[in-house]
Protein backbone atom coordinates (compact mmCIF):
# COMPACT_ATOMS: atom_id res chain seq x y z
CA MET A 1 73.32 -45.11 55.06
CA HIS A 2 76.35 -46.49 55.99
CA ARG A 3 76.23 -48.75 59.19
CA THR A 4 78.85 -50.02 61.50
CA TYR A 5 78.92 -52.49 64.53
CA SER A 6 82.17 -51.58 65.81
CA MET A 7 84.07 -48.78 67.16
CA ARG A 8 87.53 -51.02 67.13
CA GLN A 9 87.79 -51.23 63.18
CA SER A 10 91.12 -49.02 63.14
CA ARG A 11 91.56 -48.30 66.77
CA ALA A 12 94.99 -47.86 68.36
CA PRO A 13 95.62 -49.38 71.66
CA THR A 14 93.77 -47.48 74.68
CA ALA A 15 95.73 -45.92 77.65
CA SER A 16 94.82 -48.75 79.90
CA GLN A 17 96.07 -51.12 77.36
CA VAL A 18 99.51 -49.36 77.20
CA GLU A 19 99.62 -49.05 81.03
CA ASN A 20 98.52 -52.66 81.29
CA PRO A 21 99.07 -55.02 78.27
CA PRO A 22 96.20 -57.26 77.38
CA PRO A 23 96.55 -60.91 78.39
CA PRO A 24 96.79 -63.58 75.87
CA MET A 25 93.25 -65.16 74.65
CA SER A 26 91.50 -67.11 77.06
CA SER A 27 92.31 -70.79 77.20
CA THR A 28 88.64 -71.43 76.90
CA LYS A 29 88.02 -69.68 73.41
CA SER A 30 89.29 -73.34 72.19
CA ASN A 31 89.38 -76.86 72.43
CA ARG A 32 85.76 -77.08 73.06
CA TRP A 33 85.37 -80.94 72.49
CA LEU A 34 82.78 -80.98 75.34
CA GLY A 35 80.45 -78.53 73.70
CA LYS A 36 78.94 -75.17 74.63
CA GLY A 37 75.91 -76.37 76.60
CA GLY A 38 74.95 -77.38 80.14
CA PHE A 39 76.17 -81.04 79.50
CA GLY A 40 79.99 -79.76 79.13
CA HIS A 41 79.41 -77.32 82.27
CA ALA A 42 77.80 -80.34 84.19
CA PHE A 43 80.83 -82.84 83.28
CA ARG A 44 83.44 -80.60 83.90
CA LYS A 45 81.97 -79.51 87.38
CA ASN A 46 81.45 -83.37 88.61
CA ALA A 47 84.41 -84.82 86.87
CA ALA A 48 86.52 -82.32 88.78
CA GLY A 49 85.71 -83.11 92.16
CA ALA A 50 85.66 -87.16 91.62
CA PHE A 51 89.41 -87.43 90.31
CA GLY A 52 92.89 -86.60 91.30
CA PRO A 53 94.66 -86.19 94.67
CA ASP A 54 92.47 -85.47 97.52
CA LEU A 55 93.93 -82.15 98.88
CA ALA A 56 93.33 -80.60 95.30
CA ARG A 57 90.07 -81.82 94.33
CA LYS A 58 88.02 -78.76 96.11
CA LEU A 59 89.91 -76.40 94.09
CA SER A 60 90.04 -78.52 91.13
CA GLN A 61 86.23 -78.17 91.04
CA LEU A 62 86.29 -74.47 91.91
CA VAL A 63 88.96 -73.88 88.64
CA LYS A 64 86.38 -76.15 86.60
CA MET A 65 83.42 -74.17 87.54
CA GLU A 66 85.24 -70.82 87.03
CA LYS A 67 85.91 -72.13 83.34
CA ASN A 68 82.15 -72.90 83.31
CA VAL A 69 81.53 -68.96 84.31
CA MET A 70 84.04 -67.91 81.65
CA ARG A 71 82.27 -70.12 78.64
CA SER A 72 79.15 -68.32 80.07
CA MET A 73 80.56 -64.95 79.35
CA GLU A 74 81.74 -65.52 76.23
CA LEU A 75 78.20 -66.74 75.11
CA VAL A 76 76.71 -63.60 76.57
CA ALA A 77 79.41 -61.55 74.72
CA ARG A 78 78.70 -63.21 71.42
CA GLU A 79 74.73 -63.15 71.58
CA ARG A 80 75.11 -59.25 72.52
CA MET A 81 76.98 -58.47 69.59
CA GLU A 82 74.27 -60.36 67.42
CA VAL A 83 71.65 -58.60 69.45
CA ALA A 84 73.11 -55.03 68.55
CA GLN A 85 73.70 -55.83 64.78
CA GLN A 86 69.68 -56.83 64.67
CA LEU A 87 68.72 -53.65 66.42
CA SER A 88 70.66 -51.82 63.96
CA ILE A 89 68.86 -53.54 61.16
CA TRP A 90 65.35 -53.27 62.89
CA GLY A 91 65.86 -49.57 62.62
CA GLU A 92 66.63 -48.95 59.13
CA ALA A 93 63.10 -49.21 58.28
CA ALA A 94 61.94 -46.29 61.30
CA ASP A 95 62.11 -42.73 60.80
CA GLU A 96 65.22 -40.88 60.65
CA ASP A 97 65.76 -39.74 64.46
CA VAL A 98 65.03 -43.88 65.17
CA SER A 99 66.96 -45.23 62.66
CA ASP A 100 70.19 -43.05 63.24
CA VAL A 101 69.98 -43.42 67.05
CA THR A 102 69.45 -47.30 67.00
CA ASP A 103 72.18 -47.68 64.59
CA LYS A 104 74.34 -45.63 67.04
CA LEU A 105 73.09 -47.60 70.17
CA GLY A 106 74.01 -50.79 67.90
CA VAL A 107 77.43 -49.55 67.94
CA LEU A 108 77.51 -48.90 71.77
CA ILE A 109 75.98 -52.32 72.59
CA TYR A 110 78.49 -54.12 70.26
CA GLU A 111 81.10 -52.36 71.94
CA ILE A 112 79.88 -53.95 75.48
CA GLY A 113 79.95 -57.15 73.80
CA GLU A 114 83.58 -56.71 72.78
CA LEU A 115 84.33 -55.30 76.29
CA GLU A 116 82.93 -58.37 77.86
CA ASP A 117 85.00 -60.57 75.51
CA MET A 118 88.12 -58.99 76.42
CA PHE A 119 87.05 -58.95 80.06
CA VAL A 120 86.90 -63.16 79.75
CA ASP A 121 90.64 -62.77 78.65
CA ARG A 122 91.61 -60.75 81.88
CA TYR A 123 89.34 -63.21 84.23
CA ASP A 124 91.37 -66.19 83.08
CA GLN A 125 94.38 -64.59 84.15
CA TYR A 126 92.67 -65.17 87.86
CA ARG A 127 91.54 -68.73 86.84
CA VAL A 128 95.20 -69.64 85.45
CA THR A 129 96.91 -68.23 88.75
CA ILE A 130 93.77 -70.33 91.19
CA LYS A 131 94.94 -73.32 88.87
CA SER A 132 98.47 -73.08 89.83
CA ILE A 133 97.60 -73.15 93.59
CA ARG A 134 95.79 -76.27 92.87
CA ASN A 135 99.21 -77.91 90.98
CA ILE A 136 100.96 -77.12 94.11
CA GLU A 137 98.51 -78.96 96.32
CA ALA A 138 98.50 -81.93 93.96
CA SER A 139 102.24 -82.07 94.44
CA VAL A 140 102.21 -81.94 97.91
CA GLN A 141 99.82 -84.69 98.54
CA PRO A 142 102.31 -87.38 97.77
CA SER A 143 104.60 -86.46 100.88
CA ARG A 144 101.40 -86.18 103.08
CA ASP A 145 100.66 -89.95 101.76
CA ARG A 146 104.11 -91.42 102.24
CA LYS A 147 104.21 -89.96 106.18
CA GLN A 148 100.64 -91.47 106.44
CA LYS A 149 101.85 -94.86 105.20
CA ILE A 150 104.92 -95.27 107.19
CA THR A 151 102.77 -94.21 110.58
CA ASP A 152 100.41 -96.82 109.59
CA GLU A 153 103.08 -99.43 108.96
CA ILE A 154 104.84 -98.58 112.36
CA ALA A 155 101.36 -98.77 114.31
CA LYS A 156 100.63 -102.16 112.59
CA LEU A 157 104.19 -103.86 113.46
CA LYS A 158 103.84 -102.40 117.08
CA TYR A 159 100.83 -104.23 117.44
CA LYS A 160 102.03 -107.48 115.86
CA ASP A 161 105.49 -107.59 116.50
CA PRO A 162 106.57 -104.69 119.17
CA ASN A 163 110.07 -106.30 119.07
CA SER A 164 110.68 -105.92 115.38
CA PRO A 165 114.02 -104.52 114.14
CA ARG A 166 111.91 -102.87 111.20
CA ILE A 167 110.35 -100.49 113.51
CA VAL A 168 113.36 -98.94 114.56
CA VAL A 169 114.12 -98.48 110.44
CA LEU A 170 110.54 -97.37 109.77
CA GLU A 171 110.83 -94.47 112.46
CA GLN A 172 113.99 -93.32 111.04
CA GLU A 173 112.19 -92.98 107.45
CA LEU A 174 109.12 -91.40 109.44
CA VAL A 175 111.56 -88.64 110.61
CA ARG A 176 112.58 -87.90 107.19
CA ALA A 177 109.37 -87.89 105.61
CA GLU A 178 107.94 -85.35 108.50
CA ALA A 179 110.96 -83.42 107.24
CA GLU A 180 110.10 -83.42 103.78
CA SER A 181 106.54 -83.04 104.46
CA LEU A 182 107.18 -79.73 106.92
CA VAL A 183 109.02 -78.08 104.11
CA ALA A 184 106.38 -79.02 101.52
CA GLU A 185 103.51 -77.69 103.84
CA ALA A 186 105.52 -74.35 104.44
CA GLN A 187 106.09 -74.05 100.57
CA LEU A 188 102.47 -74.49 100.17
CA SER A 189 101.38 -72.25 102.63
CA ASN A 190 103.43 -69.25 101.31
CA ILE A 191 102.60 -69.92 97.54
CA THR A 192 98.91 -70.28 98.57
CA ARG A 193 98.84 -66.78 100.33
CA GLU A 194 100.84 -65.10 97.55
CA LYS A 195 99.07 -66.80 94.89
CA VAL A 196 95.33 -65.97 96.42
CA LYS A 197 96.30 -62.16 96.79
CA ALA A 198 97.56 -61.98 93.06
CA ALA A 199 94.49 -64.06 91.39
CA PHE A 200 91.78 -61.65 93.09
CA GLN A 201 94.05 -58.65 92.08
CA TYR A 202 93.47 -59.88 88.70
CA GLN A 203 89.80 -60.53 88.80
CA PHE A 204 89.37 -57.43 90.81
CA ASP A 205 90.98 -55.22 88.38
CA ALA A 206 89.50 -56.66 85.45
CA LEU A 207 86.14 -56.09 87.18
CA ARG A 208 86.81 -52.39 87.95
CA GLU A 209 88.10 -51.82 84.58
CA HIS A 210 85.07 -53.85 82.92
CA CYS A 211 82.46 -52.10 84.87
CA GLU A 212 83.81 -48.37 84.72
CA LYS A 213 83.88 -48.68 80.75
CA VAL A 214 80.45 -50.28 80.86
CA ALA A 215 79.32 -47.50 83.04
CA ILE A 216 81.00 -44.74 80.40
CA VAL A 217 78.86 -46.57 77.32
CA ALA A 218 75.81 -46.56 79.13
CA GLY A 219 76.13 -42.76 79.90
CA TYR A 220 76.97 -42.00 76.39
CA GLY A 221 73.72 -44.43 75.42
CA LYS A 222 71.55 -42.23 77.35
CA HIS A 223 73.06 -39.00 75.66
CA LEU A 224 71.93 -40.86 72.32
CA LEU A 225 68.45 -40.92 73.70
CA ASP A 226 68.04 -37.29 74.16
CA LEU A 227 68.27 -36.86 70.06
CA ILE A 228 64.77 -38.77 69.78
CA ASP A 229 62.00 -36.39 69.25
CA ASP A 230 59.34 -38.24 71.69
CA ALA A 231 56.63 -35.63 71.55
CA PRO A 232 53.41 -36.91 70.74
CA VAL A 233 51.91 -35.88 67.25
CA THR A 234 48.49 -35.79 66.28
CA PRO A 235 47.48 -37.58 63.25
CA GLY A 236 48.29 -36.00 60.02
CA GLU A 237 50.93 -34.13 61.62
CA THR A 238 54.64 -34.30 60.33
CA ARG A 239 57.69 -33.95 62.69
CA PRO A 240 60.27 -31.57 62.16
CA ALA A 241 63.28 -32.88 60.04
CA TYR A 242 65.81 -34.57 61.93
CA ASP A 243 69.39 -32.79 62.17
CA GLY A 244 71.03 -34.94 64.88
CA TYR A 245 73.43 -36.97 62.65
CA GLU A 246 76.43 -34.81 63.18
CA ALA A 247 75.62 -35.06 67.10
CA SER A 248 75.05 -38.74 67.06
CA LYS A 249 78.45 -39.15 65.64
CA ALA A 250 80.10 -36.85 68.14
CA ILE A 251 78.67 -38.62 70.89
CA ILE A 252 80.08 -41.67 69.59
CA GLN A 253 83.09 -40.26 69.17
CA ASP A 254 83.22 -38.76 72.59
CA CYS A 255 82.54 -42.19 73.77
CA GLU A 256 85.59 -43.80 72.10
CA ASP A 257 87.69 -41.35 73.56
CA ALA A 258 86.67 -41.72 76.84
CA LEU A 259 87.25 -45.44 76.69
CA SER A 260 90.51 -45.05 74.91
CA ASN A 261 91.69 -42.58 77.76
CA TRP A 262 90.50 -44.20 80.67
CA VAL A 263 93.35 -45.83 83.03
CA SER A 264 92.71 -47.20 86.48
CA SER A 265 94.26 -44.28 88.30
CA LYS A 266 91.32 -42.11 86.84
CA ALA A 267 88.51 -44.51 88.06
CA VAL A 268 85.60 -42.93 89.08
CA VAL A 269 84.30 -45.29 91.55
CA LYS A 270 86.59 -45.36 94.65
CA SER A 271 86.10 -47.79 97.78
CA ASN A 272 86.83 -45.60 100.58
CA MET A 273 86.93 -47.39 103.86
CA SER A 274 85.30 -46.19 107.05
CA GLN A 275 87.45 -44.82 110.04
CA ARG A 276 86.98 -48.28 111.77
CA SER A 277 87.80 -50.31 108.90
CA ARG A 278 91.09 -48.36 108.66
CA THR A 279 91.77 -48.57 112.30
CA LEU A 280 91.34 -52.33 112.24
CA SER A 281 93.25 -52.93 109.10
CA GLN A 282 96.23 -50.76 110.48
CA ARG A 283 96.01 -52.50 113.76
CA HIS A 284 96.24 -56.18 111.88
CA ARG A 285 99.21 -54.88 109.77
CA ASP A 286 101.02 -53.95 112.62
CA ASN A 287 100.50 -56.95 114.74
CA ALA A 288 101.64 -58.83 111.70
CA SER A 289 104.82 -56.96 111.38
CA LYS A 290 105.62 -57.33 114.81
CA ASN A 291 104.96 -60.90 114.67
CA ARG A 292 107.32 -61.24 111.85
CA ASP A 293 110.22 -59.22 113.16
CA GLY A 294 110.07 -60.87 116.62
CA VAL A 295 110.04 -59.21 120.23
CA ASP A 296 112.78 -56.68 120.67
CA LEU A 297 114.47 -57.03 123.66
CA SER A 298 117.27 -54.23 123.41
CA SER A 299 115.62 -51.75 125.83
CA GLN A 300 115.98 -54.04 128.46
CA ASP A 301 119.63 -53.64 128.90
CA GLN A 302 120.80 -50.35 129.82
CA PRO A 303 123.58 -49.11 127.75
CA MET A 304 127.17 -48.75 129.86
CA THR A 305 128.49 -45.33 130.14
CA GLY A 306 132.10 -44.94 129.21
CA ASP A 307 132.86 -43.17 132.77
CA ARG A 308 135.05 -45.86 134.75
CA ASP A 309 134.51 -43.84 137.55
CA SER A 310 130.97 -44.81 137.96
CA TRP A 311 132.03 -48.56 138.46
CA LEU A 312 132.12 -50.24 142.01
CA PRO A 313 134.06 -52.99 143.42
CA ALA A 314 131.61 -55.82 144.32
CA ASP A 315 132.47 -55.44 147.84
CA GLN A 316 131.27 -51.81 147.94
CA HIS A 317 127.92 -52.65 146.42
CA PRO A 318 125.18 -52.35 148.95
CA GLY A 319 123.99 -55.38 150.43
CA TYR A 320 127.19 -57.36 149.32
CA GLU A 321 127.88 -58.52 152.75
CA GLU A 322 124.37 -60.07 153.17
CA ASP A 323 124.63 -61.87 149.61
CA VAL A 324 127.86 -63.43 150.56
CA ASP A 325 126.71 -64.79 154.08
CA ASP A 326 123.85 -66.49 152.03
CA VAL A 327 126.06 -67.83 149.41
CA GLU A 328 128.26 -69.15 152.01
CA SER A 329 125.66 -70.74 154.29
CA THR A 330 124.39 -72.54 150.77
CA VAL A 331 127.84 -73.59 150.02
CA ASP A 332 128.34 -75.20 153.83
CA VAL A 333 124.90 -76.64 153.62
CA GLU A 334 126.06 -78.57 150.20
CA GLN A 335 129.28 -79.68 151.54
CA ARG A 336 127.90 -81.23 154.67
CA GLY A 337 124.92 -82.86 152.53
CA ARG A 338 127.68 -84.57 150.04
CA GLU A 339 129.98 -85.58 153.29
CA GLU A 340 127.10 -87.36 154.91
CA ALA A 341 126.16 -89.20 151.44
CA ARG A 342 129.80 -90.35 151.44
CA GLU A 343 129.99 -92.03 155.08
CA PRO A 344 129.31 -95.72 154.85
CA ILE A 345 126.24 -96.78 155.96
CA ALA A 346 126.32 -98.87 159.29
CA ALA A 347 126.04 -102.51 159.16
């Protein structure tokens, strides 16, 4: 019988691909000059943390480690496809029901391999976004180094030659360097927050889509298993003729339709927070919003009414006389003090 290992030979874009177009092919699927094995993994991981600016070394190592993860996932995807083909080849010599079901199971397992291959492409969006933070960190490092170098020169001059005129020049340069560094650090802080949220949004969206689709495939795989007659037979007894070819094809078609129509808005698994988590998260957002907007002092000033009859002259306010006497006594004391200060000191 005709055997196929993929449901994607003539498939139109899925609903999720229309809603969220697939990214370009992962950068890890080419330029494999270091090989596919453990040597390349270890070299990339260790080399990333040994070179480059100090500020960017830790993130450089993370980026390289993620590249190793992606290479491993690519290997798993390829080997899963090979396993699917071998399963189908093995089942050819079995009874009709086992042969048909293993063929269709090979189709589903091959589909999981292709889903893993597509997951690598989406996972690379996360890695590239994290990589952009590393590049920003590397660009900020020179401003930090310049500021530290000027500070060290000033300290050295103050120790060797405290009266050196170059100290004043270096202090002016330090002020400019600190201003430049302040701008760079603020940009780094802003971009880091933005990119971290975007990067892990890519990763979690990709994980959610991949896991839900794999769960769909697993569910239809279990439906296929129901077509195998596992009732024990006695020696010499023959099993009933297998009539599940149309059913197995229909299950494969249903699986393909389910994968094609899946969109993130219809995801089955929902992450519902507890009431405590929602309350604490909302409190944090409210506090952050207040900090951004500043403190509102408008309620401290009572608005003036337009009724001029409600106004009173200053001398008609209660306690006005007492306040005037206090002011006048204060003025007298201050005036007397100034006159005493102007009197010549007796010889």
